[in-house]
């Protein structure tokens, strides 16, 4: 469950909230007139979250590129069925 606090609490108690953010490393939703208006987060926790997001994006792009490469190979006929691939691998390794 996210932490939700009025913006006025942040205005009055910035130091305490900053300490809480550093301790929990979780975002705090600040509200104005009962509606969320800001999300604040410890800078180190934010940097970690962005680094994780970027690494995940890179992995997804590598997977996408591999899928696209495979689709191009299938479309061009540069592939073999599983039985032929199994025979080729076994022959290359001397397992036949």
N, C-alpha and C. Protein backbone atom coordinates (compact mmCIF):
# COMPACT_ATOMS: atom_id res chain seq x y z
N UNK A 1 0.85 -1.18 0.00
CA UNK A 1 0.00 0.00 0.00
C UNK A 1 0.89 1.25 0.00
N UNK A 2 0.68 2.15 -0.92
CA UNK A 2 1.55 3.33 -0.97
C UNK A 2 1.31 4.26 0.22
N UNK A 3 2.35 4.98 0.57
CA UNK A 3 2.24 5.99 1.61
C UNK A 3 1.67 7.26 0.98
N UNK A 4 0.61 7.79 1.60
CA UNK A 4 -0.05 8.99 1.09
C UNK A 4 -0.08 10.02 2.22
N UNK A 5 0.36 11.21 1.92
CA UNK A 5 0.40 12.29 2.93
C UNK A 5 -0.04 13.59 2.29
N UNK A 6 -0.63 14.46 3.08
CA UNK A 6 -0.97 15.78 2.56
C UNK A 6 0.29 16.59 2.26
N UNK A 7 0.23 17.40 1.24
CA UNK A 7 1.34 18.27 0.88
C UNK A 7 1.70 19.19 2.04
N UNK A 8 0.72 19.59 2.81
CA UNK A 8 0.99 20.47 3.95
C UNK A 8 1.89 19.79 4.98
N UNK A 9 1.78 18.44 5.15
CA UNK A 9 2.69 17.72 6.06
C UNK A 9 4.13 17.84 5.56
N UNK A 10 4.32 17.71 4.27
CA UNK A 10 5.66 17.83 3.70
C UNK A 10 6.21 19.23 3.92
N UNK A 11 5.35 20.23 3.70
CA UNK A 11 5.77 21.61 3.87
C UNK A 11 6.21 21.87 5.31
N UNK A 12 5.46 21.34 6.27
CA UNK A 12 5.77 21.57 7.69
C UNK A 12 6.91 20.69 8.20
N UNK A 13 7.04 19.48 7.68
CA UNK A 13 7.99 18.51 8.25
C UNK A 13 8.90 17.91 7.18
N UNK A 14 9.54 18.75 6.40
CA UNK A 14 10.37 18.25 5.31
C UNK A 14 11.47 17.31 5.78
N UNK A 15 12.17 17.68 6.83
CA UNK A 15 13.29 16.87 7.31
C UNK A 15 12.83 15.48 7.71
N UNK A 16 11.73 15.40 8.44
CA UNK A 16 11.23 14.09 8.88
C UNK A 16 10.81 13.24 7.68
N UNK A 17 10.16 13.85 6.70
CA UNK A 17 9.74 13.09 5.53
C UNK A 17 10.94 12.65 4.70
N UNK A 18 11.94 13.50 4.56
CA UNK A 18 13.15 13.13 3.82
C UNK A 18 13.85 11.97 4.52
N UNK A 19 13.90 11.99 5.84
CA UNK A 19 14.49 10.87 6.59
C UNK A 19 13.70 9.59 6.36
N UNK A 20 12.38 9.70 6.36
CA UNK A 20 11.52 8.54 6.10
C UNK A 20 11.75 7.98 4.69
N UNK A 21 11.87 8.87 3.71
CA UNK A 21 12.12 8.44 2.34
C UNK A 21 13.45 7.70 2.22
N UNK A 22 14.47 8.20 2.89
CA UNK A 22 15.78 7.55 2.85
C UNK A 22 15.74 6.19 3.53
N UNK A 23 14.97 6.08 4.60
CA UNK A 23 14.88 4.83 5.35
C UNK A 23 14.09 3.78 4.58
N UNK A 24 12.93 4.14 4.07
CA UNK A 24 12.05 3.16 3.43
C UNK A 24 12.39 2.92 1.97
N UNK A 25 13.00 3.91 1.30
CA UNK A 25 13.32 3.85 -0.13
C UNK A 25 12.06 3.64 -0.98
N UNK A 26 10.91 3.98 -0.44
CA UNK A 26 9.63 3.88 -1.14
C UNK A 26 9.11 5.28 -1.45
N UNK A 27 8.36 5.42 -2.54
CA UNK A 27 7.81 6.74 -2.86
C UNK A 27 6.69 7.12 -1.89
N UNK A 28 6.48 8.41 -1.74
CA UNK A 28 5.37 8.95 -0.95
C UNK A 28 4.53 9.82 -1.88
N UNK A 29 3.24 9.56 -1.89
CA UNK A 29 2.30 10.34 -2.69
C UNK A 29 1.83 11.51 -1.84
N UNK A 30 1.98 12.71 -2.37
CA UNK A 30 1.53 13.91 -1.68
C UNK A 30 0.24 14.39 -2.32
N UNK A 31 -0.69 14.79 -1.47
CA UNK A 31 -2.00 15.21 -1.96
C UNK A 31 -2.24 16.69 -1.70
N UNK A 32 -3.04 17.26 -2.57
CA UNK A 32 -3.52 18.63 -2.39
C UNK A 32 -5.04 18.56 -2.55
N UNK A 33 -5.75 19.03 -1.54
CA UNK A 33 -7.21 18.97 -1.54
C UNK A 33 -7.72 17.54 -1.76
N UNK A 34 -7.00 16.56 -1.20
CA UNK A 34 -7.43 15.18 -1.27
C UNK A 34 -7.06 14.42 -2.53
N UNK A 35 -6.44 15.09 -3.50
CA UNK A 35 -6.05 14.43 -4.74
C UNK A 35 -4.53 14.41 -4.86
N UNK A 36 -4.01 13.32 -5.39
CA UNK A 36 -2.57 13.20 -5.57
C UNK A 36 -2.07 14.30 -6.50
N UNK A 37 -1.00 14.96 -6.07
CA UNK A 37 -0.43 16.02 -6.91
C UNK A 37 1.06 15.81 -7.15
N UNK A 38 1.75 15.09 -6.27
CA UNK A 38 3.18 14.84 -6.41
C UNK A 38 3.53 13.46 -5.86
N UNK A 39 4.60 12.92 -6.39
CA UNK A 39 5.20 11.72 -5.81
C UNK A 39 6.65 12.08 -5.55
N UNK A 40 7.10 11.87 -4.31
CA UNK A 40 8.50 12.15 -3.97
C UNK A 40 9.17 10.85 -3.56
N UNK A 41 10.48 10.81 -3.82
CA UNK A 41 11.22 9.58 -3.60
C UNK A 41 12.66 9.92 -3.30
N UNK A 42 13.31 9.09 -2.50
CA UNK A 42 14.73 9.23 -2.22
C UNK A 42 15.51 9.17 -3.53
N UNK A 43 16.48 10.04 -3.71
CA UNK A 43 17.21 10.13 -4.98
C UNK A 43 17.94 8.83 -5.31
N UNK A 44 18.57 8.20 -4.33
CA UNK A 44 19.30 6.95 -4.58
C UNK A 44 18.33 5.84 -4.98
N UNK A 45 17.17 5.78 -4.32
CA UNK A 45 16.16 4.78 -4.67
C UNK A 45 15.62 5.03 -6.08
N UNK A 46 15.44 6.30 -6.42
CA UNK A 46 14.98 6.64 -7.77
C UNK A 46 16.02 6.23 -8.81
N UNK A 47 17.29 6.52 -8.54
CA UNK A 47 18.36 6.14 -9.47
C UNK A 47 18.39 4.62 -9.66
N UNK A 48 18.23 3.87 -8.56
CA UNK A 48 18.19 2.41 -8.65
C UNK A 48 17.01 1.94 -9.51
N UNK A 49 15.85 2.54 -9.31
CA UNK A 49 14.66 2.18 -10.08
C UNK A 49 14.85 2.48 -11.56
N UNK A 50 15.45 3.62 -11.87
CA UNK A 50 15.68 3.97 -13.28
C UNK A 50 16.73 3.06 -13.91
N UNK A 51 17.75 2.69 -13.15
CA UNK A 51 18.78 1.78 -13.66
C UNK A 51 18.15 0.41 -13.95
N UNK A 52 17.30 -0.07 -13.04
CA UNK A 52 16.60 -1.34 -13.25
C UNK A 52 15.72 -1.26 -14.50
N UNK A 53 14.99 -0.16 -14.64
CA UNK A 53 14.12 0.02 -15.81
C UNK A 53 14.94 0.00 -17.09
N UNK A 54 16.07 0.69 -17.10
CA UNK A 54 16.91 0.75 -18.30
C UNK A 54 17.50 -0.62 -18.63
N UNK A 55 17.93 -1.37 -17.60
CA UNK A 55 18.48 -2.70 -17.84
C UNK A 55 17.40 -3.64 -18.37
N UNK A 56 16.20 -3.54 -17.82
CA UNK A 56 15.09 -4.37 -18.29
C UNK A 56 14.75 -4.03 -19.74
N UNK A 57 14.73 -2.75 -20.07
CA UNK A 57 14.45 -2.33 -21.44
C UNK A 57 15.49 -2.90 -22.40
N UNK A 58 16.76 -2.85 -22.02
CA UNK A 58 17.83 -3.39 -22.88
C UNK A 58 17.64 -4.89 -23.10
N UNK A 59 17.29 -5.62 -22.05
CA UNK A 59 17.05 -7.07 -22.20
C UNK A 59 15.88 -7.33 -23.13
N UNK A 60 14.82 -6.54 -22.97
CA UNK A 60 13.66 -6.71 -23.85
C UNK A 60 14.02 -6.41 -25.30
N UNK A 61 14.84 -5.40 -25.53
CA UNK A 61 15.23 -5.06 -26.90
C UNK A 61 16.11 -6.16 -27.51
N UNK A 62 17.00 -6.77 -26.69
CA UNK A 62 17.81 -7.88 -27.20
C UNK A 62 16.93 -9.07 -27.54
N UNK A 63 15.94 -9.37 -26.70
CA UNK A 63 15.01 -10.48 -26.99
C UNK A 63 14.23 -10.19 -28.26
N UNK A 64 13.74 -8.96 -28.40
CA UNK A 64 12.99 -8.57 -29.60
C UNK A 64 13.85 -8.72 -30.84
N UNK A 65 15.10 -8.29 -30.76
CA UNK A 65 16.01 -8.40 -31.91
C UNK A 65 16.23 -9.87 -32.27
N UNK A 66 16.37 -10.73 -31.27
CA UNK A 66 16.54 -12.15 -31.54
C UNK A 66 15.32 -12.77 -32.19
N UNK A 67 14.15 -12.39 -31.73
CA UNK A 67 12.91 -12.88 -32.33
C UNK A 67 12.80 -12.41 -33.78
N UNK A 68 13.10 -11.13 -34.01
CA UNK A 68 13.04 -10.60 -35.37
C UNK A 68 14.05 -11.30 -36.29
N UNK A 69 15.26 -11.56 -35.76
CA UNK A 69 16.27 -12.27 -36.55
C UNK A 69 15.76 -13.67 -36.91
N UNK A 70 15.16 -14.34 -35.95
CA UNK A 70 14.60 -15.66 -36.22
C UNK A 70 13.48 -15.63 -37.25
N UNK A 71 12.64 -14.62 -37.17
CA UNK A 71 11.56 -14.49 -38.15
C UNK A 71 12.11 -14.26 -39.55
N UNK A 72 13.18 -13.43 -39.65
CA UNK A 72 13.81 -13.20 -40.96
C UNK A 72 14.43 -14.49 -41.50
N UNK A 73 15.06 -15.27 -40.61
CA UNK A 73 15.67 -16.53 -41.04
C UNK A 73 14.61 -17.51 -41.53
N UNK A 74 13.49 -17.58 -40.83
CA UNK A 74 12.41 -18.46 -41.27
C UNK A 74 11.86 -18.00 -42.61
N UNK A 75 11.66 -16.69 -42.75
CA UNK A 75 11.11 -16.15 -44.00
C UNK A 75 12.05 -16.40 -45.18
N UNK A 76 13.36 -16.37 -44.94
CA UNK A 76 14.32 -16.57 -46.04
C UNK A 76 14.65 -18.05 -46.26
N UNK A 77 14.12 -18.90 -45.39
CA UNK A 77 14.39 -20.32 -45.53
C UNK A 77 15.71 -20.76 -44.92
N UNK A 78 16.37 -19.89 -44.19
CA UNK A 78 17.67 -20.21 -43.58
C UNK A 78 17.47 -20.88 -42.22
N UNK A 79 16.70 -21.97 -42.23
CA UNK A 79 16.47 -22.68 -40.98
C UNK A 79 16.23 -24.15 -41.31
N UNK A 80 16.23 -24.99 -40.29
CA UNK A 80 15.96 -26.42 -40.48
C UNK A 80 14.99 -26.88 -39.40
N UNK A 81 14.34 -28.00 -39.65
CA UNK A 81 13.40 -28.48 -38.64
C UNK A 81 14.17 -29.09 -37.48
N UNK A 82 13.48 -29.36 -36.39
CA UNK A 82 14.13 -29.80 -35.15
C UNK A 82 14.85 -31.13 -35.32
N UNK A 83 14.28 -32.06 -36.07
CA UNK A 83 14.93 -33.36 -36.26
C UNK A 83 16.26 -33.21 -37.00
N UNK A 84 16.28 -32.40 -38.05
CA UNK A 84 17.52 -32.17 -38.79
C UNK A 84 18.55 -31.47 -37.91
N UNK A 85 18.11 -30.50 -37.13
CA UNK A 85 19.02 -29.78 -36.23
C UNK A 85 19.59 -30.74 -35.19
N UNK A 86 18.75 -31.62 -34.65
CA UNK A 86 19.21 -32.59 -33.66
C UNK A 86 20.26 -33.52 -34.27
N UNK A 87 20.00 -34.01 -35.47
CA UNK A 87 20.97 -34.89 -36.15
C UNK A 87 22.29 -34.15 -36.40
N UNK A 88 22.21 -32.90 -36.84
CA UNK A 88 23.42 -32.12 -37.12
C UNK A 88 24.23 -31.88 -35.86
N UNK A 89 23.57 -31.59 -34.77
CA UNK A 89 24.27 -31.36 -33.49
C UNK A 89 24.92 -32.64 -33.02
N UNK A 90 24.17 -33.74 -33.06
CA UNK A 90 24.71 -35.04 -32.63
C UNK A 90 25.90 -35.45 -33.49
N UNK A 91 25.81 -35.24 -34.80
CA UNK A 91 26.92 -35.58 -35.69
C UNK A 91 28.13 -34.71 -35.39
N UNK A 92 27.94 -33.44 -35.17
CA UNK A 92 29.05 -32.52 -34.89
C UNK A 92 29.75 -32.89 -33.59
N UNK A 93 29.00 -33.40 -32.64
CA UNK A 93 29.58 -33.77 -31.34
C UNK A 93 30.05 -35.23 -31.26
N UNK A 94 29.79 -35.96 -32.33
CA UNK A 94 30.19 -37.36 -32.34
C UNK A 94 29.29 -38.24 -31.49
N UNK A 95 28.06 -37.88 -31.33
CA UNK A 95 27.12 -38.63 -30.47
C UNK A 95 26.30 -39.65 -31.27
N UNK A 96 26.55 -39.80 -32.53
CA UNK A 96 25.77 -40.75 -33.33
C UNK A 96 26.33 -42.14 -33.25
